[in-house]
Amino acid sequence: MTSQFLGIDIGGSHITSLPLRREGGKMVPAGITATTKVDAFLDRESLLQAWIGHLKQQEVHASGAIAIAMPGPFEYASGTARFKPGLKMGALNGLDLRATLLRELPQLRAVYFENDAACFGLGADQKFRSAGHRRLMTITLGTGIGSAFVEDGRLVKAMPGLPPGGEIYQVPFGEGIADDFFGTRWFTHFAETEFGIIVPDLLALIGAATPAELEEIFAAYASNLLELLLPVCRKFRPETLVLGGNIARAYPRFAPAFAPELEKMGVHIYAVPQEAEMLTCLGAGQIIPV
C-alpha cells in the first residue's frame, strides 16, 4: 500500500517503519510496522543501501514526507550524522543524511529527524492519552538510558529541575553519568564484580544467576533507578511513566522494589518493550508539520 507519510525508527541493529495518515491533527497508524535487520558496523555505502532498500519497499508516494527517529550524536535540525568512527553507525560521521535520502528517494518532499528517545515519548503519549494525563515521562532502558518529557502532547526540553534538553543520560550519577548505570553494561559489570558471573548481556545473566543473586541484582538496579528518577519526578510531576527498551522486558523483576515509591506520588507505570519500535515510529510522525 502506498502511504503519504512514514514514521521510521533507526537503531543499532534495525530500521523499522510505520505507514501513517493524518487524522484530527495527529498522525495515526495506516498499516503495520516493517523491520529490516541491519548491521550498524557496515561501511557507509552498505549501511545507506540497506536503509534505502527498506524505504523503497515501503512505497512512499509523491509529495510524501518521512520522519526518522535517530540515536545521537546527531544534528537533528541539519540532518547531519555525528557518530563516532569505529562505533555503531560511525561510518556515517559527517554525512548529510537528509540530502542523501532526498537524492536517493526523489519522490520525497521532506525528511525530518528527532532523537529516538524523544520520539518514543511522543508515541507513548499518544497511546496513553486516553488515560487523561497532562504530563508523561518515558525512560528507555537498553544499551544506556534515554528519556523524554511530554506535557499536553508537546516535548518539554527546558524546565527547572529537568536535565538539559530533557536528556537524562548525561546527568551526573555515582562516579560517572546516568548512562553508565542503567544499561546492559551495569548489569554485566555488577554481576562480575559481586558474584563472579561473566556474561555478555542481561538475558544470559538471568539464565546464569541464582534466584537469590538475581533478586539482589535487580534490587540494586531498582534502588539506583529510584535515586535517579525521584528528584526529576518531584519537579516534573508526571501522571504516567512509560518504560521501553530491552531491559524493560525484565520490569517484573525490579518492579516490587521500584514501583511503590512512585505510585505513592500518583504515577502510573507501564512497561511496553514489545511496542517500543512501533511507538517510536508513531512518535516520529508527530514531528511532521501539519
Protein backbone atom coordinates (compact mmCIF):
# COMPACT_ATOMS: atom_id res chain seq x y z
CA MET A 1 0.00 0.00 0.00
CA THR A 2 1.30 3.46 -0.91
CA SER A 3 1.43 5.86 2.04
CA GLN A 4 1.94 9.61 2.15
CA PHE A 5 3.84 9.53 5.44
CA LEU A 6 6.25 7.18 7.17
CA GLY A 7 7.49 7.19 10.74
CA ILE A 8 10.88 5.48 10.97
CA ASP A 9 12.98 4.16 13.84
CA ILE A 10 16.66 3.57 13.09
CA GLY A 11 18.62 1.74 15.77
CA GLY A 12 21.88 -0.06 16.18
CA SER A 13 20.57 -3.27 14.62
CA HIS A 14 17.46 -2.39 12.62
CA ILE A 15 15.34 0.01 10.61
CA THR A 16 11.61 -0.10 11.34
CA SER A 17 8.94 1.90 9.53
CA LEU A 18 5.24 2.52 10.07
CA PRO A 19 2.82 3.92 7.44
CA LEU A 20 0.93 6.91 8.81
CA ARG A 21 -2.04 9.07 7.93
CA ARG A 22 -3.24 12.36 9.35
CA GLU A 23 -6.39 12.28 11.46
CA GLY A 24 -7.67 15.16 13.55
CA GLY A 25 -4.35 16.98 13.50
CA LYS A 26 -2.39 13.89 14.59
CA MET A 27 -0.57 11.12 12.78
CA VAL A 28 -2.14 7.71 13.31
CA PRO A 29 -1.09 4.27 12.03
CA ALA A 30 -2.19 3.47 8.49
CA GLY A 31 -0.72 -0.03 8.44
CA ILE A 32 1.68 -2.25 10.35
CA THR A 33 5.38 -1.92 11.06
CA ALA A 34 8.02 -3.41 8.77
CA THR A 35 11.52 -4.17 10.07
CA THR A 36 14.81 -4.93 8.36
CA LYS A 37 17.79 -6.10 10.40
CA VAL A 38 20.87 -4.01 9.64
CA ASP A 39 24.43 -4.30 10.94
CA ALA A 40 25.31 -0.83 12.21
CA PHE A 41 29.04 -1.54 11.76
CA LEU A 42 28.75 -1.76 7.97
CA ASP A 43 30.69 0.64 5.75
CA ARG A 44 28.91 3.84 4.69
CA GLU A 45 27.65 2.68 1.31
CA SER A 46 26.39 -0.68 2.57
CA LEU A 47 24.61 0.89 5.52
CA LEU A 48 22.92 3.53 3.36
CA GLN A 49 21.83 0.97 0.75
CA ALA A 50 20.31 -1.23 3.46
CA TRP A 51 18.23 1.70 4.73
CA ILE A 52 17.32 2.97 1.27
CA GLY A 53 16.35 -0.52 0.14
CA HIS A 54 13.98 -0.81 3.08
CA LEU A 55 12.42 2.59 2.38
CA LYS A 56 11.94 1.86 -1.32
CA GLN A 57 9.89 -1.20 -0.38
CA GLN A 58 7.51 0.97 1.66
CA GLU A 59 6.28 2.86 -1.42
CA VAL A 60 6.04 6.39 -0.08
CA HIS A 61 4.26 8.23 -2.89
CA ALA A 62 4.98 11.58 -4.47
CA SER A 63 4.76 14.59 -2.12
CA GLY A 64 5.32 12.21 0.80
CA ALA A 65 7.31 13.04 3.92
CA ILE A 66 9.18 10.83 6.32
CA ALA A 67 10.29 11.41 9.90
CA ILE A 68 13.21 9.47 11.33
CA ALA A 69 13.94 8.74 14.98
CA MET A 70 17.73 8.54 15.34
CA PRO A 71 20.04 7.96 18.29
CA GLY A 72 22.70 10.53 18.99
CA PRO A 73 25.09 12.08 18.47
CA PHE A 74 23.21 13.58 15.55
CA GLU A 75 22.44 17.14 14.39
CA TYR A 76 18.68 16.80 14.08
CA ALA A 77 17.99 20.21 12.56
CA SER A 78 20.56 19.86 9.78
CA GLY A 79 20.27 16.09 9.36
CA THR A 80 24.00 15.56 9.83
CA ALA A 81 25.37 12.41 11.49
CA ARG A 82 27.97 12.84 14.22
CA PHE A 83 28.51 9.20 15.19
CA LYS A 84 31.97 8.34 16.45
CA PRO A 85 34.11 6.44 13.92
CA GLY A 86 34.57 2.82 14.96
CA LEU A 87 31.27 2.67 16.85
CA LYS A 88 27.76 1.84 15.62
CA MET A 89 26.92 3.88 12.50
CA GLY A 90 30.34 5.51 12.80
CA ALA A 91 30.86 5.19 9.04
CA LEU A 92 28.23 7.91 8.58
CA ASN A 93 30.08 10.53 10.61
CA GLY A 94 29.81 13.93 8.88
CA LEU A 95 27.22 12.76 6.34
CA ASP A 96 24.26 14.99 5.46
CA LEU A 97 21.69 12.20 5.72
CA ARG A 98 18.75 14.42 4.73
CA ALA A 99 20.36 15.44 1.45
CA THR A 100 21.40 11.85 0.77
CA LEU A 101 17.89 10.46 1.25
CA LEU A 102 16.25 13.20 -0.82
CA ARG A 103 18.69 12.47 -3.62
CA GLU A 104 18.20 8.70 -3.49
CA LEU A 105 14.42 8.87 -2.95
CA PRO A 106 13.33 11.71 -5.26
CA GLN A 107 9.62 11.14 -4.59
CA LEU A 108 10.06 12.52 -1.07
CA ARG A 109 9.30 16.17 -0.44
CA ALA A 110 10.76 16.31 3.08
CA VAL A 111 12.79 14.37 5.64
CA TYR A 112 12.62 15.22 9.35
CA PHE A 113 14.76 13.97 12.23
CA GLU A 114 14.37 13.79 16.00
CA ASN A 115 16.05 11.96 18.87
CA ASP A 116 14.78 8.39 19.21
CA ALA A 117 14.02 8.67 22.94
CA ALA A 118 12.00 11.84 22.30
CA CYS A 119 10.03 10.10 19.55
CA PHE A 120 9.27 7.19 21.89
CA GLY A 121 7.91 9.76 24.35
CA LEU A 122 5.60 11.32 21.75
CA GLY A 123 4.36 7.91 20.64
CA ALA A 124 3.74 6.74 24.19
CA ASP A 125 1.90 9.98 24.93
CA GLN A 126 -0.46 9.29 22.06
CA LYS A 127 -1.03 5.68 23.16
CA PHE A 128 -1.80 6.57 26.77
CA ARG A 129 -3.57 9.89 26.17
CA SER A 130 -6.95 8.26 26.87
CA ALA A 131 -5.80 7.80 30.49
CA GLY A 132 -6.31 11.53 30.87
CA HIS A 133 -2.79 12.61 31.82
CA ARG A 134 -1.28 16.00 31.07
CA ARG A 135 2.32 15.05 31.82
CA LEU A 136 4.02 11.86 30.69
CA MET A 137 7.60 10.77 31.14
CA THR A 138 9.32 7.95 29.26
CA ILE A 139 12.52 6.13 30.16
CA THR A 140 14.27 3.88 27.64
CA LEU A 141 16.49 1.22 29.21
CA GLY A 142 18.79 -0.59 26.80
CA THR A 143 22.43 -0.03 25.87
CA GLY A 144 22.17 3.06 28.05
CA ILE A 145 19.28 5.22 29.30
CA GLY A 146 17.12 7.64 27.32
CA SER A 147 14.30 9.94 28.38
CA ALA A 148 11.52 12.20 27.20
CA PHE A 149 9.16 14.58 28.97
CA VAL A 150 5.82 15.38 27.36
CA GLU A 151 3.25 17.92 28.53
CA ASP A 152 -0.07 18.39 26.70
CA GLY A 153 1.30 16.45 23.72
CA ARG A 154 4.48 18.53 23.36
CA LEU A 155 8.07 17.67 24.20
CA VAL A 156 9.48 19.56 27.17
CA LYS A 157 13.22 20.09 26.76
CA ALA A 158 13.75 23.04 29.12
CA MET A 159 12.22 23.31 32.58
CA PRO A 160 13.72 23.96 36.05
CA GLY A 161 14.66 20.62 37.59
CA LEU A 162 14.85 18.70 34.32
CA PRO A 163 18.14 17.57 32.75
CA PRO A 164 19.44 19.77 29.91
CA GLY A 165 17.50 19.09 26.73
CA GLY A 166 15.35 16.60 28.62
CA GLU A 167 18.18 14.06 28.20
CA ILE A 168 18.72 12.17 31.44
CA TYR A 169 21.60 10.04 30.18
CA GLN A 170 24.08 12.86 30.84
CA VAL A 171 23.05 13.55 34.46
CA PRO A 172 25.95 13.02 36.90
CA PHE A 173 25.42 9.79 38.83
CA GLY A 174 27.74 7.80 41.07
CA GLU A 175 31.26 8.20 39.79
CA GLY A 176 30.10 8.85 36.22
CA ILE A 177 26.86 9.69 34.44
CA ALA A 178 23.47 8.00 34.34
CA ASP A 179 24.23 6.28 31.05
CA ASP A 180 26.87 4.19 32.85
CA PHE A 181 24.46 2.84 35.46
CA PHE A 182 21.21 1.87 33.77
CA GLY A 183 22.08 -0.04 30.63
CA THR A 184 23.32 -3.54 29.91
CA ARG A 185 26.89 -2.59 30.91
CA TRP A 186 25.85 -2.04 34.51
CA PHE A 187 24.28 -5.49 34.82
CA THR A 188 27.28 -7.34 33.39
CA HIS A 189 29.75 -5.30 35.48
CA PHE A 190 27.74 -5.70 38.72
CA ALA A 191 27.29 -9.45 38.21
CA GLU A 192 31.00 -9.96 37.62
CA THR A 193 32.10 -7.72 40.47
CA GLU A 194 29.66 -9.01 43.09
CA PHE A 195 29.23 -12.67 42.11
CA GLY A 196 31.98 -13.53 39.63
CA ILE A 197 29.41 -14.16 36.88
CA ILE A 198 30.78 -13.30 33.44
CA VAL A 199 28.06 -12.95 30.79
CA PRO A 200 27.59 -10.79 27.66
CA ASP A 201 24.11 -9.44 28.37
CA LEU A 202 21.10 -9.38 30.68
CA LEU A 203 19.36 -12.38 29.09
CA ALA A 204 22.43 -14.53 29.69
CA LEU A 205 22.67 -13.20 33.24
CA ILE A 206 19.09 -14.22 34.01
CA GLY A 207 19.95 -17.72 32.85
CA ALA A 208 23.23 -17.94 34.79
CA ALA A 209 22.47 -16.38 38.17
CA THR A 210 20.63 -17.99 41.07
CA PRO A 211 17.24 -16.62 42.18
CA ALA A 212 18.86 -15.04 45.25
CA GLU A 213 21.57 -13.39 43.13
CA LEU A 214 19.00 -12.06 40.67
CA GLU A 215 16.91 -10.64 43.50
CA GLU A 216 19.94 -8.75 44.84
CA ILE A 217 20.97 -7.53 41.37
CA PHE A 218 17.53 -6.20 40.47
CA ALA A 219 17.03 -4.67 43.92
CA ALA A 220 20.27 -2.71 43.46
CA TYR A 221 19.18 -1.65 39.98
CA ALA A 222 15.77 -0.50 41.27
CA SER A 223 17.39 1.45 44.10
CA ASN A 224 19.68 3.26 41.66
CA LEU A 225 16.83 3.99 39.26
CA LEU A 226 14.72 5.46 42.05
CA GLU A 227 17.64 7.61 43.20
CA LEU A 228 17.91 8.99 39.67
CA LEU A 229 14.21 9.46 38.90
CA LEU A 230 12.64 10.61 42.16
CA PRO A 231 14.10 14.16 42.09
CA VAL A 232 13.04 14.55 38.45
CA CYS A 233 9.54 13.23 39.14
CA ARG A 234 9.13 15.63 42.06
CA LYS A 235 9.87 18.52 39.69
CA PHE A 236 8.01 17.38 36.58
CA ARG A 237 5.20 15.54 38.41
CA PRO A 238 4.23 13.10 35.63
CA GLU A 239 0.96 11.24 35.93
CA THR A 240 2.31 8.48 33.67
CA LEU A 241 5.74 6.84 33.38
CA VAL A 242 6.35 4.53 30.41
CA LEU A 243 9.36 2.22 30.27
CA GLY A 244 10.78 0.94 26.99
CA GLY A 245 13.93 -0.77 25.78
CA ASN A 246 15.12 -4.34 26.21
CA ILE A 247 15.73 -4.01 29.96
CA ALA A 248 12.06 -3.09 30.39
CA ARG A 249 11.32 -6.73 29.46
CA ALA A 250 12.65 -7.56 32.92
CA TYR A 251 10.43 -4.98 34.64
CA PRO A 252 8.51 -7.59 36.68
CA ARG A 253 11.83 -8.48 38.32
CA PHE A 254 12.56 -4.97 39.61
CA ALA A 255 9.02 -3.57 39.87
CA PRO A 256 8.50 -4.65 43.52
CA ALA A 257 11.46 -2.53 44.65
CA PHE A 258 10.82 0.28 42.19
CA ALA A 259 7.12 0.97 41.70
CA PRO A 260 5.68 1.61 45.21
CA GLU A 261 7.61 4.83 45.84
CA LEU A 262 6.45 6.37 42.57
CA GLU A 263 2.91 5.07 42.90
CA LYS A 264 2.69 6.95 46.22
CA MET A 265 3.24 10.10 44.14
CA GLY A 266 0.32 9.21 41.87
CA VAL A 267 2.48 7.97 38.99
CA HIS A 268 1.03 5.19 36.83
CA ILE A 269 3.80 2.95 35.44
CA TYR A 270 3.65 0.96 32.21
CA ALA A 271 6.36 -1.21 30.63
CA VAL A 272 5.92 -1.61 26.86
CA PRO A 273 9.15 -3.12 25.48
CA GLN A 274 7.31 -5.07 22.77
CA GLU A 275 5.71 -1.88 21.44
CA ALA A 276 8.71 0.42 21.68
CA GLU A 277 9.65 0.42 17.99
CA MET A 278 6.06 0.96 16.85
CA LEU A 279 5.58 3.80 19.35
CA THR A 280 8.88 5.38 18.32
CA CYS A 281 7.75 5.35 14.66
CA LEU A 282 4.38 6.78 15.67
CA GLY A 283 6.09 9.48 17.72
CA ALA A 284 8.43 10.35 14.85
CA GLY A 285 5.38 11.03 12.72
CA GLN A 286 4.21 13.68 15.17
CA ILE A 287 7.13 15.93 14.20
CA ILE A 288 5.96 16.19 10.58
CA PRO A 289 4.43 19.69 10.30
CA VAL A 290 0.71 19.97 9.66
